[in-house]
Protein backbone atom coordinates (compact mmCIF):
# COMPACT_ATOMS: atom_id res chain seq x y z
CA UNK A 1 -1.74 22.32 40.80
CA UNK A 2 1.65 20.78 39.97
CA UNK A 3 1.35 18.83 36.86
CA UNK A 4 3.54 15.47 36.48
CA UNK A 5 5.89 15.02 34.07
CA UNK A 6 3.96 12.12 32.54
CA UNK A 7 0.81 14.64 32.05
CA UNK A 8 2.99 17.38 30.23
CA UNK A 9 4.26 14.58 27.89
CA UNK A 10 1.14 13.69 26.69
CA UNK A 11 -0.04 17.37 26.74
CA UNK A 12 2.90 18.28 24.29
CA UNK A 13 2.08 15.17 22.32
CA UNK A 14 -1.25 15.88 21.62
CA UNK A 15 -0.47 19.30 20.98
CA UNK A 16 2.07 18.34 17.88
CA UNK A 17 -0.13 15.96 16.79
CA UNK A 18 -3.18 18.42 16.41
CA UNK A 19 -1.30 20.56 14.57
CA UNK A 20 0.61 18.72 12.62
CA UNK A 21 -1.66 16.23 11.40
CA UNK A 22 -4.96 17.86 11.97
CA UNK A 23 -4.88 21.70 11.59
CA UNK A 24 -6.12 23.20 8.35
CA UNK A 25 -6.79 19.72 6.50
CA UNK A 26 -9.75 21.93 4.71
CA UNK A 27 -7.33 24.69 3.61
CA UNK A 28 -6.95 23.40 0.38
CA UNK A 29 -8.74 20.75 -1.82
CA UNK A 30 -7.77 16.77 -2.41
CA UNK A 31 -4.91 16.81 -4.74
CA UNK A 32 -3.44 14.86 -7.34
CA UNK A 33 -5.42 11.50 -8.91
CA UNK A 34 -5.30 9.11 -5.78
CA UNK A 35 -6.86 11.69 -3.19
CA UNK A 36 -10.18 12.37 -4.80
CA UNK A 37 -10.37 8.41 -6.31
CA UNK A 38 -9.97 6.94 -2.89
CA UNK A 39 -12.41 9.79 -1.06
CA UNK A 40 -14.98 9.04 -3.79
CA UNK A 41 -14.55 5.04 -3.65
CA UNK A 42 -15.16 5.34 0.11
CA UNK A 43 -18.32 7.66 -0.49
CA UNK A 44 -19.75 5.27 -3.10
CA UNK A 45 -19.51 2.40 -0.38
CA UNK A 46 -21.14 4.29 2.22
CA UNK A 47 -24.28 5.15 -0.01
CA UNK A 48 -24.29 1.63 -1.24
CA UNK A 49 -24.07 0.34 2.68
CA UNK A 50 -21.41 -1.95 1.34
CA UNK A 51 -18.37 -2.71 3.11
CA UNK A 52 -16.94 -5.62 0.73
CA UNK A 53 -16.71 -4.07 -2.89
CA UNK A 54 -15.18 -0.87 -3.45
CA UNK A 55 -16.11 0.55 -6.26
CA UNK A 56 -15.84 4.32 -8.40
CA UNK A 57 -18.34 5.09 -10.59
CA UNK A 58 -20.52 2.29 -9.73
CA UNK A 59 -17.77 -0.24 -10.81
CA UNK A 60 -15.62 -2.44 -8.97
CA UNK A 61 -12.32 -0.78 -8.15
CA UNK A 62 -10.32 -3.76 -6.55
CA UNK A 63 -6.89 -2.13 -6.63
CA UNK A 64 -6.32 -1.32 -2.98
CA UNK A 65 -7.79 -3.44 0.13
CA UNK A 66 -10.46 -1.61 2.33
CA UNK A 67 -8.73 -0.39 5.34
CA UNK A 68 -8.78 3.31 4.24
CA UNK A 69 -12.20 3.03 2.92
CA UNK A 70 -13.61 1.62 5.77
CA UNK A 71 -11.84 4.28 8.04
CA UNK A 72 -13.09 7.31 5.63
CA UNK A 73 -17.05 5.57 5.70
CA UNK A 74 -16.42 6.08 9.60
CA UNK A 75 -15.37 9.69 9.45
CA UNK A 76 -18.20 10.27 6.69
CA UNK A 77 -20.76 9.28 8.96
CA UNK A 78 -19.65 11.06 11.83
CA UNK A 79 -18.80 14.80 10.20
CA UNK A 80 -20.25 14.32 6.77
CA UNK A 81 -18.69 13.91 3.43
CA UNK A 82 -15.79 16.56 2.78
CA UNK A 83 -12.33 16.77 1.55
CA UNK A 84 -11.15 17.28 5.47
CA UNK A 85 -12.99 14.18 6.36
CA UNK A 86 -11.16 11.99 3.58
CA UNK A 87 -8.07 13.11 5.40
CA UNK A 88 -8.90 12.45 8.44
CA UNK A 89 -7.88 8.46 8.58
CA UNK A 90 -4.62 9.44 7.90
CA UNK A 91 -4.35 11.71 10.60
CA UNK A 92 -5.77 9.48 12.90
CA UNK A 93 -3.72 6.47 11.84
CA UNK A 94 -0.26 9.08 12.25
CA UNK A 95 -1.28 9.96 15.70
CA UNK A 96 -1.76 6.07 16.40
CA UNK A 97 1.80 5.66 15.16
CA UNK A 98 3.50 8.34 17.30
CA UNK A 99 1.70 6.99 20.47
CA UNK A 100 2.87 3.70 19.85
CA UNK A 101 6.41 4.66 19.22
CA UNK A 102 5.85 6.89 23.04
CA UNK A 103 4.46 4.04 24.54
CA UNK A 104 7.14 1.47 23.51
CA UNK A 105 9.83 3.90 24.22
CA UNK A 106 8.12 4.63 27.49
CA UNK A 107 8.20 0.85 28.27
CA UNK A 108 11.65 0.05 27.03
CA UNK A 109 13.63 2.65 26.81
CA UNK A 110 12.41 5.50 29.60
CA UNK A 111 13.57 8.90 29.80
CA UNK A 112 13.55 9.49 25.94
CA UNK A 113 9.82 8.44 24.94
CA UNK A 114 8.47 12.46 23.87
CA UNK A 115 12.01 12.36 21.73
CA UNK A 116 11.47 9.72 20.03
CA UNK A 117 7.35 10.22 19.52
CA UNK A 118 8.04 13.99 18.19
CA UNK A 119 11.32 12.87 16.18
CA UNK A 120 8.64 10.57 14.65
CA UNK A 121 5.64 13.22 14.15
CA UNK A 122 7.76 16.07 12.62
CA UNK A 123 9.41 13.87 10.03
CA UNK A 124 8.32 15.49 6.95
CA UNK A 125 7.51 11.82 5.16
CA UNK A 126 5.20 11.34 8.28
CA UNK A 127 3.47 14.93 8.10
CA UNK A 128 3.18 15.12 4.56
CA UNK A 129 1.15 11.43 4.38
CA UNK A 130 -0.69 12.16 7.49
CA UNK A 131 -2.48 14.98 5.87
CA UNK A 132 -3.22 12.77 2.27
CA UNK A 133 -6.38 11.02 1.69
CA UNK A 134 -4.11 7.63 0.82
CA UNK A 135 -3.53 4.31 1.64
CA UNK A 136 0.11 5.22 2.63
CA UNK A 137 -0.26 6.59 6.06
CA UNK A 138 -2.53 3.40 7.26
CA UNK A 139 -0.20 0.95 6.21
CA UNK A 140 2.77 2.84 7.90
CA UNK A 141 0.45 2.93 10.88
CA UNK A 142 -0.04 -0.55 11.20
CA UNK A 143 3.13 -2.02 9.95
CA UNK A 144 5.00 0.37 12.66
CA UNK A 145 2.67 -0.72 15.45
CA UNK A 146 3.26 -4.58 14.53
CA UNK A 147 7.26 -4.03 14.10
CA UNK A 148 7.40 -2.14 17.50
CA UNK A 149 4.99 -5.33 19.12
CA UNK A 150 7.19 -7.77 17.53
CA UNK A 151 10.37 -6.40 19.15
CA UNK A 152 8.70 -5.76 22.41
CA UNK A 153 8.13 -9.36 22.57
CA UNK A 154 11.46 -10.28 21.60
CA UNK A 155 12.51 -8.29 24.28
CA UNK A 156 9.93 -8.98 27.33
CA UNK A 157 8.61 -12.30 26.08
CA UNK A 158 5.13 -11.84 26.75
CA UNK A 159 2.69 -13.24 24.22
CA UNK A 160 0.31 -10.40 24.34
CA UNK A 161 2.81 -8.51 22.12
CA UNK A 162 3.23 -11.14 19.61
CA UNK A 163 -0.78 -11.03 19.76
CA UNK A 164 -0.68 -7.48 19.01
CA UNK A 165 1.94 -8.26 16.41
CA UNK A 166 -0.06 -10.46 14.30
CA UNK A 167 -3.41 -8.23 14.74
CA UNK A 168 -1.67 -4.97 13.23
CA UNK A 169 0.24 -7.27 10.72
CA UNK A 170 -3.50 -8.23 9.63
CA UNK A 171 -4.52 -4.63 9.23
CA UNK A 172 -1.41 -3.86 7.58
CA UNK A 173 -2.52 -6.57 5.06
CA UNK A 174 -5.91 -5.11 4.81
CA UNK A 175 -4.32 -1.52 4.78
CA UNK A 176 -2.43 -2.16 1.60
CA UNK A 177 -1.92 -6.08 0.93
CA UNK A 178 0.63 -8.96 1.11
CA UNK A 179 3.63 -6.05 1.44
CA UNK A 180 3.11 -5.64 5.14
CA UNK A 181 3.25 -9.59 6.08
CA UNK A 182 6.08 -9.75 3.45
CA UNK A 183 8.24 -6.87 4.84
CA UNK A 184 7.84 -8.07 8.35
CA UNK A 185 9.03 -11.68 7.50
CA UNK A 186 12.23 -10.46 5.69
CA UNK A 187 13.17 -7.95 8.55
CA UNK A 188 12.70 -10.93 11.11
CA UNK A 189 14.37 -13.15 9.29
CA UNK A 190 17.24 -11.05 8.74
CA UNK A 191 17.42 -10.17 12.34
CA UNK A 192 17.39 -13.92 13.34
CA UNK A 193 19.81 -15.00 10.95
CA UNK A 194 22.12 -11.87 12.12
CA UNK A 195 21.98 -13.19 15.55
CA UNK A 196 22.20 -16.85 14.29
CA UNK A 197 18.89 -17.89 16.49
CA UNK A 198 16.91 -19.63 14.17
CA UNK A 199 14.92 -20.55 17.29
CA UNK A 200 13.47 -17.24 17.19
CA UNK A 201 11.47 -17.67 13.73
CA UNK A 202 9.85 -20.90 15.35
CA UNK A 203 9.04 -18.91 18.15
CA UNK A 204 7.39 -16.23 16.12
CA UNK A 205 5.59 -18.58 14.09
CA UNK A 206 3.11 -18.78 17.00
CA UNK A 207 0.19 -20.60 16.35
CA UNK A 208 -2.62 -18.51 18.03
CA UNK A 209 -1.17 -15.46 16.20
CA UNK A 210 -1.42 -16.96 12.91
CA UNK A 211 -4.75 -17.59 13.67
CA UNK A 212 -5.56 -13.95 14.94
CA UNK A 213 -4.05 -12.89 11.85
CA UNK A 214 -6.42 -14.88 9.78
CA UNK A 215 -9.22 -14.28 11.89
CA UNK A 216 -8.78 -10.27 10.80
CA UNK A 217 -7.24 -10.51 7.45
CA UNK A 218 -8.97 -13.57 5.54
CA UNK A 219 -12.96 -12.47 5.84
CA UNK A 220 -12.60 -9.54 3.75
CA UNK A 221 -10.23 -11.38 1.30
CA UNK A 222 -12.68 -14.37 1.23
CA UNK A 223 -15.85 -12.13 1.00
CA UNK A 224 -14.76 -10.00 -1.90
CA UNK A 225 -13.24 -12.87 -3.88
CA UNK A 226 -16.70 -14.47 -3.83
CA UNK A 227 -18.79 -11.45 -4.74
CA UNK A 228 -15.64 -10.52 -7.53
CA UNK A 229 -13.99 -13.46 -9.12
CA UNK A 230 -11.79 -10.85 -10.99
CA UNK A 231 -10.26 -9.92 -7.69
CA UNK A 232 -7.54 -12.45 -7.53
CA UNK A 233 -6.23 -11.20 -11.13
CA UNK A 234 -6.74 -7.59 -10.64
CA UNK A 235 -5.75 -6.84 -7.12
CA UNK A 236 -2.82 -9.74 -6.88
CA UNK A 237 -1.37 -10.00 -10.47
CA UNK A 238 -1.99 -7.03 -11.70
CA UNK A 239 -1.67 -4.50 -8.82
CA UNK A 240 1.12 -6.39 -6.82
CA UNK A 241 3.05 -8.80 -8.95
CA UNK A 242 2.53 -6.82 -12.44
CA UNK A 243 3.21 -3.42 -10.70
CA UNK A 244 6.54 -4.58 -8.87
CA UNK A 245 7.85 -6.38 -12.00
CA UNK A 246 6.87 -4.10 -14.71
CA UNK A 247 6.33 -0.46 -15.53
CA UNK A 248 2.66 -1.12 -16.14
CA UNK A 249 1.46 1.87 -14.37
CA UNK A 250 4.48 4.06 -15.67
CA UNK A 251 6.14 5.10 -12.41
CA UNK A 252 9.54 3.99 -13.77
CA UNK A 253 12.38 5.51 -11.60
CA UNK A 254 15.94 4.85 -11.17
CA UNK A 255 17.59 2.04 -8.89
CA UNK A 256 18.91 4.77 -6.36
CA UNK A 257 15.45 6.83 -6.45
CA UNK A 258 14.38 5.73 -2.97
CA UNK A 259 17.89 6.88 -1.15
CA UNK A 260 16.93 10.81 -1.36
CA UNK A 261 13.27 9.94 -0.64
CA UNK A 262 14.34 8.61 2.26
CA UNK A 263 16.65 11.23 3.28
CA UNK A 264 14.12 13.93 2.21
CA UNK A 265 11.25 12.19 3.94
CA UNK A 266 13.53 12.46 7.55
CA UNK A 267 13.85 16.36 7.13
CA UNK A 268 14.54 17.98 9.55
CA UNK A 269 16.36 14.79 11.04
CA UNK A 270 18.05 13.31 8.14
CA UNK A 271 21.73 14.41 9.10
CA UNK A 272 21.19 12.89 12.85
CA UNK A 273 19.47 9.81 11.41
CA UNK A 274 22.38 9.42 9.20
CA UNK A 275 24.98 9.72 11.64
CA UNK A 276 23.07 7.41 14.02
CA UNK A 277 22.95 5.27 11.18
CA UNK A 278 26.57 5.23 10.46
CA UNK A 279 27.65 4.68 13.84
CA UNK A 280 25.52 1.57 14.71
CA UNK A 281 26.82 0.19 11.67
CA UNK A 282 30.24 0.87 13.02
CA UNK A 283 29.55 -0.10 16.25
CA UNK A 284 28.06 -3.71 14.66
CA UNK A 285 31.02 -4.21 12.40
CA UNK A 286 33.18 -4.16 15.92
CA UNK A 287 31.25 -6.16 18.35
CA UNK A 288 29.58 -8.71 15.96
CA UNK A 289 26.70 -11.06 17.55
CA UNK A 290 28.00 -9.59 21.01
CA UNK A 291 25.85 -6.17 20.17
CA UNK A 292 22.61 -8.45 19.09
CA UNK A 293 22.93 -9.88 22.23
CA UNK A 294 22.89 -6.57 24.59
CA UNK A 295 20.49 -3.37 24.69
CA UNK A 296 21.89 -2.32 21.21
CA UNK A 297 20.22 -4.78 19.23
CA UNK A 298 17.48 -2.69 19.21
CA UNK A 299 19.59 -0.23 16.97
CA UNK A 300 20.54 -3.51 14.69
CA UNK A 301 16.86 -4.08 14.64
CA UNK A 302 16.38 -0.76 13.35
CA UNK A 303 18.79 -0.44 10.84
CA UNK A 304 17.54 -3.91 9.26
CA UNK A 305 13.78 -2.22 9.39
CA UNK A 306 15.05 0.72 7.86
CA UNK A 307 16.97 -0.85 5.26
CA UNK A 308 14.52 -3.68 3.92
CA UNK A 309 11.99 -1.33 2.62
CA UNK A 310 14.48 0.94 0.67
CA UNK A 311 15.65 -2.05 -0.87
CA UNK A 312 12.66 -4.00 -1.51
CA UNK A 313 10.85 -1.09 -3.29
CA UNK A 314 14.28 0.02 -4.89
CA UNK A 315 13.84 -3.47 -6.82
CA UNK A 316 10.21 -2.57 -7.80
CA UNK A 317 9.83 -1.34 -11.81
CA UNK A 318 7.36 1.01 -10.29
CA UNK A 319 8.37 3.30 -7.79
CA UNK A 320 6.15 6.01 -5.80
CA UNK A 321 7.23 8.12 -2.90
CA UNK A 322 4.53 7.03 -0.49
CA UNK A 323 5.85 3.22 -0.77
CA UNK A 324 8.51 4.08 1.57
CA UNK A 325 6.86 5.84 4.65
CA UNK A 326 6.93 2.48 6.58
CA UNK A 327 10.62 2.86 6.67
CA UNK A 328 10.72 6.30 8.08
CA UNK A 329 9.55 5.30 12.00
CA UNK A 330 12.79 3.15 12.09
CA UNK A 331 15.31 5.86 11.31
CA UNK A 332 13.81 8.52 14.08
CA UNK A 333 13.70 5.60 16.62
CA UNK A 334 17.23 5.16 15.52
CA UNK A 335 18.08 8.55 16.32
CA UNK A 336 16.27 8.54 19.68
CA UNK A 337 18.31 5.95 20.62
CA UNK A 338 21.47 7.99 19.30
CA UNK A 339 20.44 11.18 21.43
CA UNK A 340 19.76 9.11 24.42
CA UNK A 341 23.09 7.36 24.21
CA UNK A 342 24.80 10.82 24.06
CA UNK A 343 22.95 12.58 26.73
CA UNK A 344 23.57 9.54 29.28
CA UNK A 345 27.31 9.46 28.13
CA UNK A 346 27.27 13.36 28.28
CA UNK A 347 28.94 13.47 24.73
CA UNK A 348 28.67 16.91 22.63
CA UNK A 349 28.25 16.49 18.74
CA UNK A 350 30.87 17.35 16.62
CA UNK A 351 30.70 21.07 15.53
CA UNK A 352 30.45 19.48 11.92
CA UNK A 353 27.29 17.62 12.62
CA UNK A 354 25.74 20.68 14.47
CA UNK A 355 26.20 22.80 11.82
CA UNK A 356 25.18 20.46 8.81
CA UNK A 357 22.14 19.76 10.82
CA UNK A 358 21.28 23.30 11.71
CA UNK A 359 21.25 23.96 8.02
CA UNK A 360 19.25 21.10 7.09
CA UNK A 361 16.54 22.02 9.74
CA UNK A 362 15.93 25.41 8.78
CA UNK A 363 16.27 25.12 4.94
CA UNK A 364 12.91 23.91 4.62
CA UNK A 365 11.79 27.15 6.05
CA UNK A 366 12.81 28.99 2.45
CA UNK A 367 10.38 27.12 0.24
CA UNK A 368 7.44 27.41 2.86
CA UNK A 369 7.82 31.24 2.82
CA UNK A 370 8.13 31.31 -1.06
CA UNK A 371 5.31 28.11 -1.66
CA UNK A 372 3.09 30.62 -3.75
CA UNK A 373 5.62 31.07 -6.21
CA UNK A 374 7.00 27.94 -6.34
CA UNK A 375 3.47 26.39 -7.11
CA UNK A 376 2.34 29.29 -9.37
CA UNK A 377 5.94 29.40 -11.48
CA UNK A 378 7.50 26.15 -10.82
CA UNK A 379 11.04 27.69 -9.69
CA UNK A 380 12.23 29.25 -6.75
CA UNK A 381 12.73 33.18 -8.12
CA UNK A 382 15.47 35.41 -6.82
CA UNK A 383 14.55 38.37 -5.46
CA UNK A 384 13.85 40.30 -2.51
CA UNK A 385 11.65 37.53 -1.30
CA UNK A 386 14.26 35.17 -1.84
CA UNK A 387 16.81 37.09 0.33
CA UNK A 388 14.45 37.79 2.94
CA UNK A 389 13.56 33.73 3.18
CA UNK A 390 17.25 32.94 3.09
CA UNK A 391 18.04 35.66 5.76
CA UNK A 392 15.55 33.80 8.15
CA UNK A 393 16.57 30.60 7.66
CA UNK A 394 20.25 31.73 8.43
CA UNK A 395 19.18 33.10 11.57
CA UNK A 396 16.87 30.12 12.47
CA UNK A 397 20.31 28.02 11.86
CA UNK A 398 22.31 30.17 13.59
CA UNK A 399 20.14 29.67 16.64
CA UNK A 400 19.86 25.86 16.33
CA UNK A 401 23.52 25.54 16.05
CA UNK A 402 24.21 27.95 19.15
CA UNK A 403 21.90 25.92 21.12
CA UNK A 404 23.65 22.71 20.35
CA UNK A 405 26.68 23.94 21.26
CA UNK A 406 25.73 24.75 24.82
CA UNK A 407 26.61 22.27 27.84
CA UNK A 408 23.02 20.70 27.17
CA UNK A 409 24.13 19.66 23.87
CA UNK A 410 22.09 16.89 22.41
CA UNK A 411 19.48 17.19 25.27
CA UNK A 412 18.18 20.27 23.54
CA UNK A 413 18.00 18.79 20.01
CA UNK A 414 14.14 17.91 19.90
CA UNK A 415 13.26 21.29 21.17
CA UNK A 416 15.06 23.39 18.88
CA UNK A 417 14.66 21.42 15.60
CA UNK A 418 10.81 21.30 16.45
CA UNK A 419 11.02 25.49 16.24
CA UNK A 420 11.55 25.24 12.24
CA UNK A 421 9.04 22.38 11.76
CA UNK A 422 6.31 24.39 13.32
CA UNK A 423 7.32 27.37 11.39
CA UNK A 424 7.52 25.60 8.35
CA UNK A 425 4.07 23.56 8.36
CA UNK A 426 2.43 26.73 9.46
CA UNK A 427 4.05 29.00 6.36
CA UNK A 428 2.83 26.16 3.74
CA UNK A 429 -0.95 26.31 5.42
CA UNK A 430 -1.20 29.98 5.92
CA UNK A 431 0.67 31.37 2.85
CA UNK A 432 0.53 28.29 0.47
CA UNK A 433 -2.81 26.93 0.92
CA UNK A 434 -4.76 29.33 -1.87
CA UNK A 435 -2.00 28.76 -4.53
CA UNK A 436 -2.14 24.98 -3.70
CA UNK A 437 -5.94 24.86 -4.14
CA UNK A 438 -6.05 26.80 -7.07
CA UNK A 439 -3.09 25.24 -9.23
CA UNK A 440 -3.34 21.91 -7.71
CA UNK A 441 -6.83 21.01 -6.58
CA UNK A 442 -10.16 20.99 -9.06
CA UNK A 443 -12.41 22.08 -5.74
CA UNK A 444 -12.31 25.87 -6.81
CA UNK A 445 -13.23 24.88 -10.16
CA UNK A 446 -16.13 22.76 -9.51
CA UNK A 447 -17.57 25.36 -7.13
CA UNK A 448 -17.49 27.97 -10.06
CA UNK A 449 -19.41 25.35 -12.21
CA UNK A 450 -22.10 24.71 -9.67
CA UNK A 451 -22.59 28.27 -8.98
CA UNK A 452 -23.36 28.64 -12.80
CA UNK A 453 -25.66 25.93 -13.23
CA UNK A 454 -29.51 26.53 -12.60
CA UNK A 455 -29.78 22.39 -12.49
CA UNK A 456 -27.20 19.74 -11.79
CA UNK A 457 -26.06 18.47 -15.46
CA UNK A 458 -24.12 15.85 -16.27
CA UNK A 459 -20.30 16.26 -16.55
CA UNK A 460 -17.71 15.17 -19.16
CA UNK A 461 -14.00 15.92 -19.29
CA UNK A 462 -12.10 16.15 -22.57
CA UNK A 463 -8.25 16.32 -23.05
CA UNK A 464 -7.48 16.82 -19.44
CA UNK A 465 -5.46 14.83 -16.95
CA UNK A 466 -6.66 12.07 -14.55
CA UNK A 467 -6.59 14.46 -11.78
CA UNK A 468 -8.87 16.79 -12.77
CA UNK A 469 -11.25 13.90 -13.86
CA UNK A 470 -11.10 12.13 -10.55
CA UNK A 471 -11.17 15.64 -8.75
CA UNK A 472 -14.61 16.56 -10.38
CA UNK A 473 -15.96 13.07 -9.85
CA UNK A 474 -15.33 13.41 -6.16
CA UNK A 475 -16.51 17.11 -5.92
CA UNK A 476 -19.64 16.92 -8.13
CA UNK A 477 -20.38 13.41 -6.85
CA UNK A 478 -20.93 12.06 -9.96
CA UNK A 479 -19.48 9.78 -12.70
CA UNK A 480 -17.39 11.71 -15.32
CA UNK A 481 -17.58 11.01 -19.01
CA UNK A 482 -14.49 11.37 -20.87
CA UNK A 483 -14.66 12.24 -24.62
CA UNK A 484 -11.25 10.53 -25.86
CA UNK A 485 -13.33 7.18 -24.82
CA UNK A 486 -16.12 8.07 -26.72
CA UNK A 487 -18.11 8.91 -23.57
CA UNK A 488 -20.20 11.72 -25.19
CA UNK A 489 -23.47 11.96 -23.41
CA UNK A 490 -26.35 12.45 -25.72
CA UNK A 491 -28.50 14.81 -23.37
CA UNK A 492 -27.57 18.24 -22.44
CA UNK A 493 -24.33 18.40 -20.42
CA UNK A 494 -21.35 20.34 -19.59
CA UNK A 495 -17.50 19.69 -20.40
CA UNK A 496 -13.93 20.54 -19.14
CA UNK A 497 -11.36 20.99 -21.48
CA UNK A 498 -8.03 22.84 -21.94
CA UNK A 499 -8.41 26.56 -22.73
CA UNK A 500 -9.25 27.15 -26.62
CA UNK A 501 -10.92 23.79 -27.33
CA UNK A 502 -14.66 25.17 -28.37
CA UNK A 503 -13.70 24.37 -31.80
CA UNK A 504 -12.25 20.85 -31.14
CA UNK A 505 -15.36 20.22 -29.04
CA UNK A 506 -17.61 21.45 -31.76
CA UNK A 507 -16.34 18.93 -34.34
CA UNK A 508 -16.88 15.73 -31.73
CA UNK A 509 -20.48 16.69 -31.28
CA UNK A 510 -21.23 17.61 -34.91
CA UNK A 511 -24.60 19.39 -35.37
CA UNK A 512 -24.89 20.33 -31.59
CA UNK A 513 -24.78 23.79 -29.94
CA UNK A 514 -21.65 24.72 -27.88
CA UNK A 515 -21.69 27.42 -25.85
CA UNK A 516 -18.37 29.02 -23.75
CA UNK A 517 -19.39 29.38 -20.15
CA UNK A 518 -15.89 30.48 -18.51
CA UNK A 519 -12.35 29.66 -17.74
CA UNK A 520 -10.41 28.55 -15.12
CA UNK A 521 -7.20 30.56 -15.73
CA UNK A 522 -4.97 29.02 -12.88
CA UNK A 523 -5.03 25.40 -14.70
CA UNK A 524 -5.98 26.44 -18.21
CA UNK A 525 -9.24 25.05 -18.11
CA UNK A 526 -12.43 26.10 -20.17
CA UNK A 527 -15.87 24.97 -19.39
CA UNK A 528 -18.70 24.53 -22.09
CA UNK A 529 -22.31 24.09 -22.15
CA UNK A 530 -23.50 21.29 -24.74
CA UNK A 531 -26.69 20.78 -26.01
CA UNK A 532 -28.40 17.49 -25.91
CA UNK A 533 -28.22 15.48 -29.26
CA UNK A 534 -30.65 16.55 -32.07
CA UNK A 535 -31.22 20.04 -30.65
CA UNK A 536 -28.64 22.07 -31.74
CA UNK A 537 -29.56 22.56 -35.67
CA UNK A 538 -33.04 23.46 -34.51
CA UNK A 539 -31.81 26.03 -32.20
CA UNK A 540 -29.83 27.40 -34.51
CA UNK A 541 -32.70 27.34 -37.32
CA UNK A 542 -34.53 29.55 -34.80
C-alpha cells in the first residue's frame, strides 16, 4: 500500500515531536526552583479540587495564572503525580505549536509546511522549554497560535481565524498574564502603521472576538480576585509591573542580554535565520510598502514579531531566558519562507553561509557528548574525550556542508540539519541524565532520605538554596520549614543543610539531640535527625 505525501509528513511530524518533546521526560528529576514549585502548586490544587486559587504550602501563590496548573492537574489525574507528568503540559503545548505551524504553512505557503514545522520543533529553545514544568511553553504556544490565526485572517479575511486569534490570546493571558495581549497589540499596530493601513486596527477590534476573549479569560481573573482580594496587588503590581520596572526579584541582566539568548535559542538554525532576517530587511528597505502589499508581507510580519519581544523584554529590569520563547517561532517561520524562495528560484546558498551554518549546527554535539564533565566540573576539560567530541562534530559539519553544496542545495537543509539535532538530544538524555539528576535535582536526595525513615517525619532545611527547598517540597509532598526564618519544628524532624553543619544545627536547637544520618556528596549536603523539644537532655541523661 502506497503512503501519501501528507501521511508521511504527519508521521514524520509525530515521530520528531515524540522524540524531541516526550522521550525521556523522567530521565532526570525536576531542576531549579520553578519546576518543582509549579509542579507542587498543581498537586495542591488537585488535592483540594480547587481550580481557582493556586497554593504552595497551603498558602495562596498568586504569581502566575492557572493555565499550566490546570494542564498539570489533568496530567496528574490521568497518569498520577510524578515529575514527568508535571512536564507533560509543556510537551503537549509544544506539539500544538508545531502542528499549528504545519497547518498554517500548508494552508498559506504549501509545499514547505514540513520544513517550517520541523525547524520550529528542533530549535534549541523550543526543545528545552518543551521539557520544562513551567509557564513559558504554554505562553509561547498560545501566543504563536494566536499570531498565526491573526495573519491567516489578514490574508484570508475569514473571521473564523479572527475568532481563533481571540480565543488563543485569552489562553495566553491565562498562561502568563497581560503580556500576551500586550505583545500581540504592539506587533499588530507596528504592522498596520508600516502598511499605513489604520483600518486594519479597527477591523481587528472585532466585537464578537473581544467578547470571546473576555468569556475565556475573565472568569478566572474575577473569581480569583473575589476569593483573594490581594490578587491584584500581588499579581499585577508586583509580578508584572514591579518585575518589569525594577530588579525586585534579582534577575538583572544587561540591555543586550536577549540578543545572544535568541541566537542560542534558535540553534541549529541561527545562521540561516539571521540570513533570512537580513534579506527581509534589505528587500523591505528596497521595496517599501510595495512589499507589504504582496505575498512577502508575511516576512515583514515575522520580522516585527521576532523583534518586538526582544526589544520589549530588553527594556525590563528583570530578565530570564524563558521570556523570549514566544519570539522563536517567528524566526523559524522566517527561515521556512527563506528556504521556500531559494528552492523555488533554484538559488544555491553561498559557501560562507553553508560553512557557518554547518559549524553552528554540528557544534552542540560537543557539549552534549561531554555533558557529564560540564555538569560535574563546570567546565569543558581538554583531553581525549574533548578531542573525540570535536572530531565527531567536525565530521558532522563536513557532511552537512557537502550535502548543502550539491545540486539539491537548500532543499536538503531541513534533513541534514536534523541529524545533529537528534544526536545531540539523544546524547544529553542518555549520557547526561545521571549527572543532571545527581547534581541539579533533589530527587535522588529525597529518595535517600525516604529509604532511611521508619516513619514519615517533618523536614526542614538550613542554609540551602531555594532549588533544594522547593525540590524537597515536591518530592516529599510536605511543607518544608526553614531554620533561617525561625521555622524550627518543635517535634522530632529531619533537617537538610550544607556539609559539616552539625555544630551549627546543634546551636540552633540547643538542648536537643542532633544525629548525623548521611551525606549527598554531589550537591554537598548533609541530613540530620533532630529530637523533639525537651527530649534531648533526657536522652543524654540516660
